[in-house]
Amino acid sequence: MNYCVSCGKNYDQGTEICSECLTPTGAEITSNSVCSSEAISGTHPWRRLFARTIDYVALYLIIGLIIGVFIPSDSAPLVFTGNEFLDGRLINILILALACIIEPIILTSFGITPGKFLFNIEINKNGSELIEYLDALKRTVALTWSGMAFGVPFLSTVAQYMAYRRLTTTGETSWDKSCGFTITHHPIGWGRKIGLITVLLIMAVAIIVIQRSPVGQ
C-alpha cells in the first residue's frame, strides 16, 4: 500500500495526484517506509509543540484534581484562577518540575506520551524502542532547560524561539542530538484525529470546571 508524502492518505498503484490534498504522489513509498518519508518531509515543530502542550495540560488537570480532593478550598493556593501573575508562573514551573519526573517514567513504561500518541510521534533511542529511565530523564531535563528555560518568564520565550530556529534549521533539537534520540512523525489517521478532538473537548470542560470550582475561586 502506498501513502501520500504530504497528508499520509493511502492511494492505489498508478495514482498521480492525491485525492485528499491534491499533492503529486511522486515517488511511491510503502507502509514499511512511512517513518523515513515523514521524517524527511519536515520537522513539524508545531505538531511537537501541540503534543507536549497536551501532556502539560493533562498534568495541570491532575494537579487540579489532587488539590480539589485533598486540600480544603479555603487553603488551596490560587494557582488556577489566572488572576495572579505570580501564582500563574509558579504553577507553570511546578508542572515543568513534575514533568521532569513523570515523563521519563511514562516513556520508560510505554515508550510514548499521551500527546505524542495522539499526534502519532514516535521517539527512539539510538534506533531502539526501549528507553531507559536515565536516558529519558536526561532528555526531559535538557528539553526543559534548553527549550523552555524551566518556565522562567521572558527567558522561556527566548529559549522556545531559539529551539524553534534550531529545529527548523538543522532538523533536530539540541536535546535530541545530545541524548541520542530520534523523532519520527507518522501520518495522523482518522482514529487519532477523532481521539484528539475528544481529548481537547474533555480538557476544555475540565479546565472550566476547575476554574469555577472552590479551588479556582
N, C-alpha and C. Protein backbone atom coordinates (compact mmCIF):
# COMPACT_ATOMS: atom_id res chain seq x y z
N MET A 1 0.85 -1.19 0.00
CA MET A 1 0.00 0.00 0.00
C MET A 1 0.88 1.24 0.00
N ASN A 2 0.49 2.28 -0.78
CA ASN A 2 1.27 3.48 -0.91
C ASN A 2 0.61 4.64 -0.16
N TYR A 3 1.43 5.60 0.29
CA TYR A 3 0.93 6.72 1.07
C TYR A 3 1.42 8.03 0.49
N CYS A 4 0.56 9.06 0.58
CA CYS A 4 0.93 10.40 0.15
C CYS A 4 1.98 10.95 1.11
N VAL A 5 3.05 11.53 0.56
CA VAL A 5 4.12 12.06 1.41
C VAL A 5 3.70 13.35 2.11
N SER A 6 2.57 13.96 1.68
CA SER A 6 2.13 15.21 2.27
C SER A 6 1.13 15.00 3.40
N CYS A 7 0.05 14.25 3.13
CA CYS A 7 -1.01 14.09 4.14
C CYS A 7 -1.08 12.69 4.73
N GLY A 8 -0.40 11.72 4.11
CA GLY A 8 -0.39 10.37 4.65
C GLY A 8 -1.52 9.48 4.16
N LYS A 9 -2.41 9.99 3.29
CA LYS A 9 -3.52 9.18 2.80
C LYS A 9 -3.01 8.11 1.85
N ASN A 10 -3.56 6.89 1.97
CA ASN A 10 -3.14 5.82 1.08
C ASN A 10 -3.78 5.98 -0.30
N TYR A 11 -3.08 5.54 -1.33
CA TYR A 11 -3.61 5.64 -2.69
C TYR A 11 -3.23 4.39 -3.47
N ASP A 12 -3.93 4.15 -4.57
CA ASP A 12 -3.72 2.95 -5.38
C ASP A 12 -2.51 3.12 -6.29
N GLN A 13 -1.97 1.98 -6.70
CA GLN A 13 -0.84 1.98 -7.62
C GLN A 13 -1.22 2.71 -8.91
N GLY A 14 -0.33 3.61 -9.37
CA GLY A 14 -0.57 4.33 -10.61
C GLY A 14 -1.23 5.68 -10.43
N THR A 15 -1.68 6.00 -9.21
CA THR A 15 -2.29 7.30 -8.95
C THR A 15 -1.24 8.40 -9.06
N GLU A 16 -1.58 9.48 -9.76
CA GLU A 16 -0.62 10.56 -9.96
C GLU A 16 -0.82 11.72 -8.99
N ILE A 17 -2.07 11.94 -8.55
CA ILE A 17 -2.37 13.04 -7.65
C ILE A 17 -3.18 12.53 -6.46
N CYS A 18 -2.80 12.93 -5.25
CA CYS A 18 -3.52 12.52 -4.05
C CYS A 18 -4.92 13.13 -4.05
N SER A 19 -5.94 12.31 -3.84
CA SER A 19 -7.32 12.80 -3.84
C SER A 19 -7.65 13.61 -2.58
N GLU A 20 -6.81 13.50 -1.54
CA GLU A 20 -7.07 14.19 -0.29
C GLU A 20 -6.52 15.61 -0.29
N CYS A 21 -5.25 15.78 -0.70
CA CYS A 21 -4.61 17.10 -0.64
C CYS A 21 -4.15 17.61 -2.01
N LEU A 22 -4.39 16.82 -3.07
CA LEU A 22 -4.05 17.19 -4.44
C LEU A 22 -2.55 17.36 -4.67
N THR A 23 -1.76 16.69 -3.82
CA THR A 23 -0.31 16.72 -3.99
C THR A 23 0.12 15.61 -4.94
N PRO A 24 1.01 15.89 -5.92
CA PRO A 24 1.51 14.82 -6.79
C PRO A 24 2.14 13.71 -5.95
N THR A 25 1.81 12.48 -6.28
CA THR A 25 2.31 11.36 -5.48
C THR A 25 3.80 11.20 -5.61
N GLY A 26 4.36 11.47 -6.79
CA GLY A 26 5.81 11.38 -6.97
C GLY A 26 6.30 9.97 -6.72
N ALA A 27 7.42 9.87 -6.00
CA ALA A 27 7.98 8.55 -5.68
C ALA A 27 7.05 7.83 -4.73
N GLU A 28 6.80 6.57 -5.01
CA GLU A 28 5.92 5.77 -4.19
C GLU A 28 6.67 5.21 -3.00
N ILE A 29 5.98 5.17 -1.86
CA ILE A 29 6.57 4.61 -0.67
C ILE A 29 5.64 3.57 -0.10
N THR A 30 6.17 2.58 0.51
CA THR A 30 5.36 1.52 1.09
C THR A 30 5.10 1.81 2.55
N SER A 31 4.19 1.01 3.16
CA SER A 31 3.84 1.21 4.56
C SER A 31 5.04 1.00 5.46
N ASN A 32 6.03 0.24 5.02
CA ASN A 32 7.21 -0.01 5.84
C ASN A 32 8.18 1.16 5.83
N SER A 33 7.99 2.10 4.89
CA SER A 33 8.92 3.22 4.81
C SER A 33 8.26 4.54 5.12
N VAL A 34 7.07 4.51 5.77
CA VAL A 34 6.38 5.73 6.10
C VAL A 34 7.18 6.57 7.07
N CYS A 35 7.85 5.91 8.02
CA CYS A 35 8.60 6.64 9.05
C CYS A 35 9.68 7.50 8.42
N SER A 36 10.50 6.92 7.56
CA SER A 36 11.59 7.67 6.98
C SER A 36 11.08 8.76 6.06
N SER A 37 9.99 8.51 5.34
CA SER A 37 9.45 9.52 4.44
C SER A 37 8.93 10.71 5.22
N GLU A 38 8.20 10.45 6.33
CA GLU A 38 7.67 11.53 7.12
C GLU A 38 8.79 12.33 7.78
N ALA A 39 9.84 11.65 8.22
CA ALA A 39 10.94 12.35 8.87
C ALA A 39 11.64 13.29 7.88
N ILE A 40 11.72 12.86 6.62
CA ILE A 40 12.38 13.68 5.61
C ILE A 40 11.49 14.85 5.19
N SER A 41 10.17 14.66 5.25
CA SER A 41 9.25 15.65 4.71
C SER A 41 9.18 16.92 5.55
N GLY A 42 9.63 16.89 6.80
CA GLY A 42 9.58 18.10 7.61
C GLY A 42 9.88 17.82 9.07
N THR A 43 10.15 18.88 9.81
CA THR A 43 10.47 18.73 11.23
C THR A 43 9.25 18.85 12.12
N HIS A 44 8.16 19.44 11.61
CA HIS A 44 6.88 19.54 12.32
C HIS A 44 7.02 20.14 13.71
N PRO A 45 7.58 21.34 13.85
CA PRO A 45 7.75 21.93 15.19
C PRO A 45 6.44 22.20 15.91
N TRP A 46 5.41 22.62 15.16
CA TRP A 46 4.13 22.92 15.81
C TRP A 46 3.43 21.66 16.26
N ARG A 47 3.58 20.62 15.50
CA ARG A 47 3.00 19.34 15.89
C ARG A 47 3.63 18.85 17.19
N ARG A 48 4.92 19.00 17.31
CA ARG A 48 5.62 18.61 18.53
C ARG A 48 5.19 19.49 19.70
N LEU A 49 5.01 20.79 19.44
CA LEU A 49 4.59 21.71 20.50
C LEU A 49 3.20 21.35 21.01
N PHE A 50 2.28 21.08 20.09
CA PHE A 50 0.92 20.76 20.50
C PHE A 50 0.87 19.45 21.29
N ALA A 51 1.69 18.49 20.88
CA ALA A 51 1.73 17.21 21.59
C ALA A 51 2.22 17.41 23.02
N ARG A 52 3.26 18.23 23.18
CA ARG A 52 3.78 18.49 24.52
C ARG A 52 2.80 19.31 25.33
N THR A 53 2.09 20.22 24.69
CA THR A 53 1.09 21.02 25.40
C THR A 53 0.00 20.13 25.99
N ILE A 54 -0.42 19.13 25.23
CA ILE A 54 -1.43 18.21 25.74
C ILE A 54 -0.91 17.48 26.97
N ASP A 55 0.35 17.07 26.95
CA ASP A 55 0.93 16.40 28.11
C ASP A 55 0.94 17.32 29.33
N TYR A 56 1.29 18.58 29.13
CA TYR A 56 1.34 19.53 30.23
C TYR A 56 -0.06 19.85 30.76
N VAL A 57 -1.02 20.00 29.86
CA VAL A 57 -2.39 20.28 30.30
C VAL A 57 -2.95 19.10 31.10
N ALA A 58 -2.63 17.89 30.66
CA ALA A 58 -3.07 16.71 31.40
C ALA A 58 -2.51 16.71 32.81
N LEU A 59 -1.23 17.08 32.93
CA LEU A 59 -0.61 17.16 34.25
C LEU A 59 -1.23 18.28 35.07
N TYR A 60 -1.55 19.38 34.44
CA TYR A 60 -2.23 20.51 35.08
C TYR A 60 -3.56 20.07 35.67
N LEU A 61 -4.31 19.29 34.91
CA LEU A 61 -5.62 18.82 35.38
C LEU A 61 -5.47 17.84 36.54
N ILE A 62 -4.45 17.01 36.48
CA ILE A 62 -4.21 16.06 37.57
C ILE A 62 -3.89 16.81 38.86
N ILE A 63 -3.05 17.85 38.74
CA ILE A 63 -2.73 18.66 39.91
C ILE A 63 -4.00 19.33 40.47
N GLY A 64 -4.83 19.84 39.57
CA GLY A 64 -6.08 20.46 40.00
C GLY A 64 -6.98 19.47 40.70
N LEU A 65 -7.03 18.25 40.20
CA LEU A 65 -7.85 17.22 40.83
C LEU A 65 -7.33 16.89 42.23
N ILE A 66 -6.02 16.76 42.34
CA ILE A 66 -5.41 16.45 43.64
C ILE A 66 -5.68 17.56 44.65
N ILE A 67 -5.52 18.80 44.20
CA ILE A 67 -5.78 19.93 45.09
C ILE A 67 -7.25 19.95 45.51
N GLY A 68 -8.13 19.71 44.55
CA GLY A 68 -9.55 19.75 44.85
C GLY A 68 -10.00 18.65 45.80
N VAL A 69 -9.33 17.50 45.75
CA VAL A 69 -9.74 16.36 46.58
C VAL A 69 -9.10 16.40 47.95
N PHE A 70 -7.82 16.74 48.01
CA PHE A 70 -7.06 16.59 49.26
C PHE A 70 -6.80 17.89 50.01
N ILE A 71 -6.98 19.04 49.37
CA ILE A 71 -6.70 20.30 50.04
C ILE A 71 -8.00 21.07 50.21
N PRO A 72 -8.33 21.53 51.42
CA PRO A 72 -9.54 22.31 51.63
C PRO A 72 -9.57 23.55 50.76
N SER A 73 -10.75 23.91 50.30
CA SER A 73 -10.86 25.02 49.36
C SER A 73 -10.37 26.33 49.95
N ASP A 74 -10.53 26.52 51.29
CA ASP A 74 -10.08 27.77 51.88
C ASP A 74 -8.57 27.83 52.06
N SER A 75 -7.89 26.67 51.86
CA SER A 75 -6.44 26.64 52.00
C SER A 75 -5.73 26.47 50.67
N ALA A 76 -6.49 26.17 49.62
CA ALA A 76 -5.88 25.90 48.31
C ALA A 76 -5.28 27.18 47.74
N PRO A 77 -4.10 27.10 47.18
CA PRO A 77 -3.50 28.29 46.56
C PRO A 77 -4.25 28.69 45.31
N LEU A 78 -4.21 29.98 45.00
CA LEU A 78 -4.93 30.49 43.84
C LEU A 78 -4.12 30.30 42.58
N VAL A 79 -3.82 29.03 42.27
CA VAL A 79 -2.98 28.78 41.11
C VAL A 79 -3.79 28.51 39.85
N PHE A 80 -5.09 28.34 39.98
CA PHE A 80 -5.90 28.01 38.81
C PHE A 80 -6.82 29.15 38.39
N THR A 81 -6.70 30.29 39.04
CA THR A 81 -7.61 31.38 38.70
C THR A 81 -7.15 32.16 37.49
N GLY A 82 -5.82 32.26 37.30
CA GLY A 82 -5.31 33.07 36.20
C GLY A 82 -5.33 34.55 36.54
N ASN A 83 -5.73 34.91 37.79
CA ASN A 83 -5.82 36.31 38.17
C ASN A 83 -4.53 36.84 38.79
N GLU A 84 -3.71 35.95 39.29
CA GLU A 84 -2.47 36.36 39.93
C GLU A 84 -1.29 35.98 39.04
N PHE A 85 -0.52 36.99 38.63
CA PHE A 85 0.61 36.74 37.73
C PHE A 85 1.60 35.77 38.35
N LEU A 86 1.97 36.00 39.61
CA LEU A 86 2.96 35.18 40.27
C LEU A 86 2.48 33.75 40.41
N ASP A 87 1.22 33.57 40.84
CA ASP A 87 0.69 32.22 41.02
C ASP A 87 0.67 31.47 39.70
N GLY A 88 0.33 32.16 38.62
CA GLY A 88 0.30 31.50 37.32
C GLY A 88 1.68 31.02 36.90
N ARG A 89 2.71 31.82 37.15
CA ARG A 89 4.07 31.42 36.80
C ARG A 89 4.55 30.29 37.69
N LEU A 90 4.15 30.30 38.96
CA LEU A 90 4.57 29.24 39.88
C LEU A 90 3.99 27.89 39.47
N ILE A 91 2.74 27.88 39.03
CA ILE A 91 2.13 26.61 38.64
C ILE A 91 2.79 26.10 37.37
N ASN A 92 3.21 26.99 36.47
CA ASN A 92 3.91 26.56 35.27
C ASN A 92 5.24 25.90 35.61
N ILE A 93 5.97 26.52 36.53
CA ILE A 93 7.25 25.95 36.94
C ILE A 93 7.04 24.62 37.66
N LEU A 94 5.98 24.53 38.47
CA LEU A 94 5.66 23.28 39.17
C LEU A 94 5.36 22.16 38.19
N ILE A 95 4.59 22.47 37.15
CA ILE A 95 4.25 21.47 36.15
C ILE A 95 5.50 20.99 35.42
N LEU A 96 6.39 21.92 35.07
CA LEU A 96 7.62 21.54 34.38
C LEU A 96 8.50 20.68 35.28
N ALA A 97 8.55 21.01 36.58
CA ALA A 97 9.35 20.22 37.51
C ALA A 97 8.79 18.81 37.65
N LEU A 98 7.47 18.69 37.76
CA LEU A 98 6.85 17.37 37.87
C LEU A 98 7.01 16.58 36.57
N ALA A 99 6.96 17.28 35.44
CA ALA A 99 7.13 16.61 34.15
C ALA A 99 8.50 15.98 34.03
N CYS A 100 9.51 16.60 34.64
CA CYS A 100 10.86 16.04 34.59
C CYS A 100 10.93 14.70 35.30
N ILE A 101 10.01 14.46 36.23
CA ILE A 101 9.99 13.19 36.95
C ILE A 101 9.03 12.19 36.30
N ILE A 102 7.85 12.69 35.92
CA ILE A 102 6.79 11.81 35.44
C ILE A 102 6.99 11.37 33.99
N GLU A 103 7.42 12.30 33.12
CA GLU A 103 7.57 11.95 31.71
C GLU A 103 8.56 10.80 31.48
N PRO A 104 9.73 10.80 32.14
CA PRO A 104 10.64 9.66 31.95
C PRO A 104 10.02 8.33 32.36
N ILE A 105 9.18 8.34 33.40
CA ILE A 105 8.51 7.11 33.82
C ILE A 105 7.56 6.62 32.72
N ILE A 106 6.82 7.56 32.13
CA ILE A 106 5.88 7.20 31.06
C ILE A 106 6.63 6.68 29.83
N LEU A 107 7.72 7.36 29.45
CA LEU A 107 8.50 6.92 28.29
C LEU A 107 9.13 5.55 28.53
N THR A 108 9.59 5.31 29.75
CA THR A 108 10.18 4.01 30.06
C THR A 108 9.14 2.90 30.05
N SER A 109 7.94 3.23 30.52
CA SER A 109 6.88 2.21 30.64
C SER A 109 6.17 1.95 29.32
N PHE A 110 5.88 3.01 28.58
CA PHE A 110 5.07 2.88 27.37
C PHE A 110 5.80 3.26 26.08
N GLY A 111 6.94 3.94 26.19
CA GLY A 111 7.67 4.35 25.01
C GLY A 111 7.09 5.55 24.30
N ILE A 112 6.06 6.17 24.88
CA ILE A 112 5.39 7.30 24.24
C ILE A 112 4.54 8.01 25.28
N THR A 113 4.34 9.31 25.11
CA THR A 113 3.47 10.07 26.00
C THR A 113 2.09 10.21 25.36
N PRO A 114 1.06 10.59 26.14
CA PRO A 114 -0.28 10.75 25.55
C PRO A 114 -0.32 11.71 24.38
N GLY A 115 0.37 12.85 24.51
CA GLY A 115 0.37 13.82 23.43
C GLY A 115 1.04 13.29 22.18
N LYS A 116 2.16 12.61 22.34
CA LYS A 116 2.85 12.03 21.19
C LYS A 116 2.01 10.93 20.55
N PHE A 117 1.29 10.18 21.36
CA PHE A 117 0.43 9.13 20.82
C PHE A 117 -0.67 9.73 19.94
N LEU A 118 -1.32 10.78 20.42
CA LEU A 118 -2.41 11.40 19.66
C LEU A 118 -1.91 12.00 18.36
N PHE A 119 -0.71 12.56 18.37
CA PHE A 119 -0.14 13.17 17.16
C PHE A 119 0.74 12.18 16.39
N ASN A 120 0.76 10.93 16.83
CA ASN A 120 1.48 9.85 16.15
C ASN A 120 2.96 10.20 15.94
N ILE A 121 3.58 10.63 17.04
CA ILE A 121 5.00 10.97 17.02
C ILE A 121 5.76 9.86 17.74
N GLU A 122 6.71 9.28 17.07
CA GLU A 122 7.50 8.18 17.63
C GLU A 122 8.84 8.69 18.13
N ILE A 123 9.26 8.19 19.29
CA ILE A 123 10.54 8.58 19.86
C ILE A 123 11.38 7.34 20.12
N ASN A 124 12.60 7.34 19.60
CA ASN A 124 13.50 6.19 19.75
C ASN A 124 14.84 6.65 20.29
N LYS A 125 15.51 5.74 20.97
CA LYS A 125 16.85 5.99 21.48
C LYS A 125 17.82 5.11 20.70
N ASN A 126 18.63 5.74 19.85
CA ASN A 126 19.60 5.02 19.03
C ASN A 126 18.95 3.87 18.23
N GLY A 127 17.76 4.14 17.69
CA GLY A 127 17.07 3.16 16.87
C GLY A 127 16.29 2.11 17.64
N SER A 128 16.32 2.16 18.96
CA SER A 128 15.62 1.17 19.78
C SER A 128 14.37 1.80 20.38
N GLU A 129 13.27 1.01 20.43
CA GLU A 129 12.04 1.50 21.03
C GLU A 129 12.09 1.43 22.55
N LEU A 130 13.05 0.69 23.11
CA LEU A 130 13.20 0.58 24.55
C LEU A 130 13.99 1.78 25.06
N ILE A 131 13.41 2.51 26.00
CA ILE A 131 14.04 3.71 26.54
C ILE A 131 14.31 3.52 28.02
N GLU A 132 15.56 3.70 28.41
CA GLU A 132 15.93 3.59 29.81
C GLU A 132 15.52 4.87 30.55
N TYR A 133 15.24 4.73 31.86
CA TYR A 133 14.76 5.87 32.63
C TYR A 133 15.77 7.01 32.65
N LEU A 134 17.04 6.70 32.88
CA LEU A 134 18.04 7.75 32.96
C LEU A 134 18.18 8.51 31.64
N ASP A 135 18.06 7.78 30.52
CA ASP A 135 18.13 8.43 29.21
C ASP A 135 16.94 9.37 29.02
N ALA A 136 15.75 8.89 29.40
CA ALA A 136 14.55 9.71 29.28
C ALA A 136 14.63 10.90 30.22
N LEU A 137 15.19 10.69 31.42
CA LEU A 137 15.32 11.79 32.38
C LEU A 137 16.26 12.87 31.84
N LYS A 138 17.40 12.44 31.27
CA LYS A 138 18.35 13.40 30.71
C LYS A 138 17.70 14.22 29.60
N ARG A 139 16.92 13.55 28.75
CA ARG A 139 16.28 14.26 27.64
C ARG A 139 15.25 15.26 28.15
N THR A 140 14.43 14.84 29.11
CA THR A 140 13.38 15.73 29.61
C THR A 140 13.97 16.94 30.32
N VAL A 141 15.01 16.73 31.11
CA VAL A 141 15.64 17.85 31.80
C VAL A 141 16.32 18.78 30.80
N ALA A 142 17.00 18.20 29.82
CA ALA A 142 17.66 19.02 28.79
C ALA A 142 16.64 19.81 28.00
N LEU A 143 15.51 19.19 27.68
CA LEU A 143 14.43 19.88 26.95
C LEU A 143 13.87 21.02 27.79
N THR A 144 13.62 20.74 29.07
CA THR A 144 13.03 21.75 29.94
C THR A 144 13.95 22.95 30.12
N TRP A 145 15.27 22.69 30.13
CA TRP A 145 16.23 23.78 30.27
C TRP A 145 16.48 24.50 28.94
N SER A 146 16.90 23.74 27.93
CA SER A 146 17.28 24.36 26.66
C SER A 146 16.08 24.86 25.88
N GLY A 147 14.94 24.18 26.00
CA GLY A 147 13.78 24.56 25.20
C GLY A 147 12.77 25.41 25.90
N MET A 148 12.83 25.47 27.26
CA MET A 148 11.81 26.22 27.99
C MET A 148 12.37 27.04 29.14
N ALA A 149 13.66 26.97 29.39
CA ALA A 149 14.30 27.73 30.48
C ALA A 149 13.57 27.54 31.80
N PHE A 150 13.08 26.33 32.01
CA PHE A 150 12.36 25.97 33.23
C PHE A 150 11.18 26.89 33.53
N GLY A 151 10.62 27.47 32.48
CA GLY A 151 9.41 28.28 32.66
C GLY A 151 9.65 29.67 33.21
N VAL A 152 10.90 30.11 33.31
CA VAL A 152 11.19 31.45 33.83
C VAL A 152 10.65 32.49 32.84
N PRO A 153 9.86 33.45 33.31
CA PRO A 153 9.28 34.46 32.41
C PRO A 153 10.34 35.13 31.54
N PHE A 154 9.98 35.43 30.32
CA PHE A 154 10.81 36.04 29.28
C PHE A 154 11.89 35.08 28.79
N LEU A 155 12.67 34.49 29.71
CA LEU A 155 13.71 33.55 29.29
C LEU A 155 13.11 32.34 28.58
N SER A 156 11.93 31.92 29.04
CA SER A 156 11.29 30.76 28.41
C SER A 156 10.90 31.07 26.97
N THR A 157 10.43 32.29 26.73
CA THR A 157 10.06 32.69 25.37
C THR A 157 11.28 32.70 24.47
N VAL A 158 12.39 33.24 24.97
CA VAL A 158 13.63 33.26 24.20
C VAL A 158 14.12 31.84 23.91
N ALA A 159 14.05 30.98 24.93
CA ALA A 159 14.51 29.60 24.76
C ALA A 159 13.66 28.85 23.73
N GLN A 160 12.35 29.07 23.77
CA GLN A 160 11.46 28.41 22.81
C GLN A 160 11.75 28.88 21.39
N TYR A 161 11.99 30.16 21.22
CA TYR A 161 12.31 30.69 19.89
C TYR A 161 13.63 30.12 19.37
N MET A 162 14.64 30.07 20.23
CA MET A 162 15.93 29.53 19.82
C MET A 162 15.81 28.05 19.46
N ALA A 163 15.01 27.31 20.24
CA ALA A 163 14.82 25.89 19.96
C ALA A 163 14.08 25.70 18.64
N TYR A 164 13.10 26.56 18.39
CA TYR A 164 12.36 26.51 17.13
C TYR A 164 13.28 26.78 15.94
N ARG A 165 14.13 27.78 16.07
CA ARG A 165 15.07 28.12 14.99
C ARG A 165 16.03 26.96 14.72
N ARG A 166 16.52 26.35 15.77
CA ARG A 166 17.46 25.25 15.60
C ARG A 166 16.79 24.06 14.93
N LEU A 167 15.56 23.75 15.36
CA LEU A 167 14.85 22.60 14.80
C LEU A 167 14.55 22.80 13.33
N THR A 168 14.09 23.99 12.96
CA THR A 168 13.73 24.24 11.57
C THR A 168 14.96 24.42 10.68
N THR A 169 16.09 24.75 11.29
CA THR A 169 17.32 24.97 10.51
C THR A 169 18.13 23.69 10.35
N THR A 170 18.33 22.98 11.45
CA THR A 170 19.18 21.78 11.44
C THR A 170 18.39 20.48 11.34
N GLY A 171 17.09 20.54 11.63
CA GLY A 171 16.28 19.32 11.55
C GLY A 171 16.22 18.53 12.84
N GLU A 172 16.88 19.00 13.91
CA GLU A 172 16.82 18.31 15.20
C GLU A 172 17.05 19.30 16.33
N THR A 173 16.57 18.93 17.51
CA THR A 173 16.75 19.79 18.67
C THR A 173 18.06 19.45 19.36
N SER A 174 18.54 20.36 20.19
CA SER A 174 19.81 20.14 20.89
C SER A 174 19.70 18.98 21.87
N TRP A 175 18.52 18.82 22.51
CA TRP A 175 18.38 17.74 23.49
C TRP A 175 18.28 16.37 22.83
N ASP A 176 17.65 16.30 21.66
CA ASP A 176 17.60 15.02 20.96
C ASP A 176 18.98 14.62 20.46
N LYS A 177 19.74 15.60 19.97
CA LYS A 177 21.07 15.30 19.46
C LYS A 177 22.02 14.88 20.57
N SER A 178 22.02 15.63 21.68
CA SER A 178 22.94 15.33 22.76
C SER A 178 22.60 14.03 23.49
N CYS A 179 21.32 13.68 23.51
CA CYS A 179 20.88 12.48 24.24
C CYS A 179 20.71 11.26 23.32
N GLY A 180 20.89 11.45 22.01
CA GLY A 180 20.83 10.33 21.08
C GLY A 180 19.44 9.86 20.73
N PHE A 181 18.46 10.76 20.74
CA PHE A 181 17.08 10.39 20.43
C PHE A 181 16.72 10.76 19.00
N THR A 182 15.83 9.97 18.42
CA THR A 182 15.33 10.23 17.08
C THR A 182 13.82 10.37 17.13
N ILE A 183 13.30 11.42 16.51
CA ILE A 183 11.86 11.67 16.48
C ILE A 183 11.35 11.41 15.07
N THR A 184 10.30 10.60 14.97
CA THR A 184 9.71 10.28 13.67
C THR A 184 8.23 10.62 13.69
N HIS A 185 7.77 11.29 12.64
CA HIS A 185 6.37 11.69 12.55
C HIS A 185 5.63 10.79 11.57
N HIS A 186 4.59 10.12 12.05
CA HIS A 186 3.76 9.28 11.20
C HIS A 186 2.50 10.03 10.80
N PRO A 187 1.85 9.61 9.74
CA PRO A 187 0.57 10.22 9.37
C PRO A 187 -0.46 10.06 10.49
N ILE A 188 -1.27 11.08 10.70
CA ILE A 188 -2.31 11.03 11.73
C ILE A 188 -3.60 10.52 11.08
N GLY A 189 -4.00 9.32 11.43
CA GLY A 189 -5.22 8.73 10.87
C GLY A 189 -6.47 9.33 11.48
N TRP A 190 -7.61 8.94 10.92
CA TRP A 190 -8.88 9.48 11.40
C TRP A 190 -9.17 9.06 12.83
N GLY A 191 -8.74 7.87 13.21
CA GLY A 191 -8.95 7.43 14.58
C GLY A 191 -8.29 8.36 15.59
N ARG A 192 -7.04 8.73 15.31
CA ARG A 192 -6.33 9.65 16.19
C ARG A 192 -6.92 11.05 16.12
N LYS A 193 -7.37 11.47 14.95
CA LYS A 193 -7.97 12.79 14.83
C LYS A 193 -9.23 12.88 15.69
N ILE A 194 -10.05 11.85 15.63
CA ILE A 194 -11.26 11.83 16.46
C ILE A 194 -10.89 11.79 17.94
N GLY A 195 -9.87 10.97 18.27
CA GLY A 195 -9.41 10.90 19.65
C GLY A 195 -8.88 12.23 20.14
N LEU A 196 -8.15 12.94 19.27
CA LEU A 196 -7.58 14.24 19.62
C LEU A 196 -8.68 15.26 19.90
N ILE A 197 -9.67 15.30 19.03
CA ILE A 197 -10.79 16.23 19.24
C ILE A 197 -11.51 15.91 20.54
N THR A 198 -11.73 14.62 20.81
CA THR A 198 -12.41 14.21 22.04
C THR A 198 -11.62 14.63 23.27
N VAL A 199 -10.30 14.40 23.23
CA VAL A 199 -9.45 14.77 24.37
C VAL A 199 -9.46 16.28 24.59
N LEU A 200 -9.39 17.05 23.52
CA LEU A 200 -9.40 18.51 23.64
C LEU A 200 -10.70 19.00 24.25
N LEU A 201 -11.82 18.41 23.85
CA LEU A 201 -13.11 18.80 24.41
C LEU A 201 -13.18 18.46 25.90
N ILE A 202 -12.71 17.27 26.25
CA ILE A 202 -12.71 16.85 27.66
C ILE A 202 -11.84 17.78 28.49
N MET A 203 -10.67 18.13 27.96
CA MET A 203 -9.76 19.03 28.68
C MET A 203 -10.39 20.41 28.85
N ALA A 204 -11.04 20.90 27.81
CA ALA A 204 -11.66 22.23 27.89
C ALA A 204 -12.73 22.25 28.97
N VAL A 205 -13.56 21.21 29.00
CA VAL A 205 -14.62 21.12 30.02
C VAL A 205 -14.01 21.02 31.41
N ALA A 206 -12.95 20.20 31.54
CA ALA A 206 -12.30 20.02 32.84
C ALA A 206 -11.70 21.32 33.35
N ILE A 207 -11.08 22.09 32.46
CA ILE A 207 -10.49 23.37 32.86
C ILE A 207 -11.57 24.33 33.33
N ILE A 208 -12.69 24.37 32.62
CA ILE A 208 -13.80 25.25 33.01
C ILE A 208 -14.33 24.84 34.39
N VAL A 209 -14.45 23.54 34.63
CA VAL A 209 -14.94 23.06 35.93
C VAL A 209 -13.99 23.47 37.04
N ILE A 210 -12.67 23.32 36.80
CA ILE A 210 -11.69 23.70 37.81
C ILE A 210 -11.73 25.21 38.07
N GLN A 211 -11.87 25.98 37.01
CA GLN A 211 -11.89 27.44 37.16
C GLN A 211 -13.10 27.89 37.98
N ARG A 212 -14.20 27.17 37.87
CA ARG A 212 -15.43 27.56 38.57
C ARG A 212 -15.60 26.87 39.90
N SER A 213 -14.70 25.94 40.21
CA SER A 213 -14.78 25.22 41.48
C SER A 213 -14.24 26.09 42.61
N PRO A 214 -14.47 25.70 43.88
CA PRO A 214 -13.94 26.47 45.02
C PRO A 214 -12.43 26.61 44.96
N VAL A 215 -11.72 25.61 44.33
CA VAL A 215 -10.27 25.70 44.23
C VAL A 215 -9.86 26.89 43.39
N GLY A 216 -10.64 27.17 42.36
CA GLY A 216 -10.27 28.24 41.44
C GLY A 216 -10.90 29.58 41.78
N GLN A 217 -11.50 29.71 42.95
CA GLN A 217 -12.15 30.95 43.34
C GLN A 217 -11.43 31.57 44.53
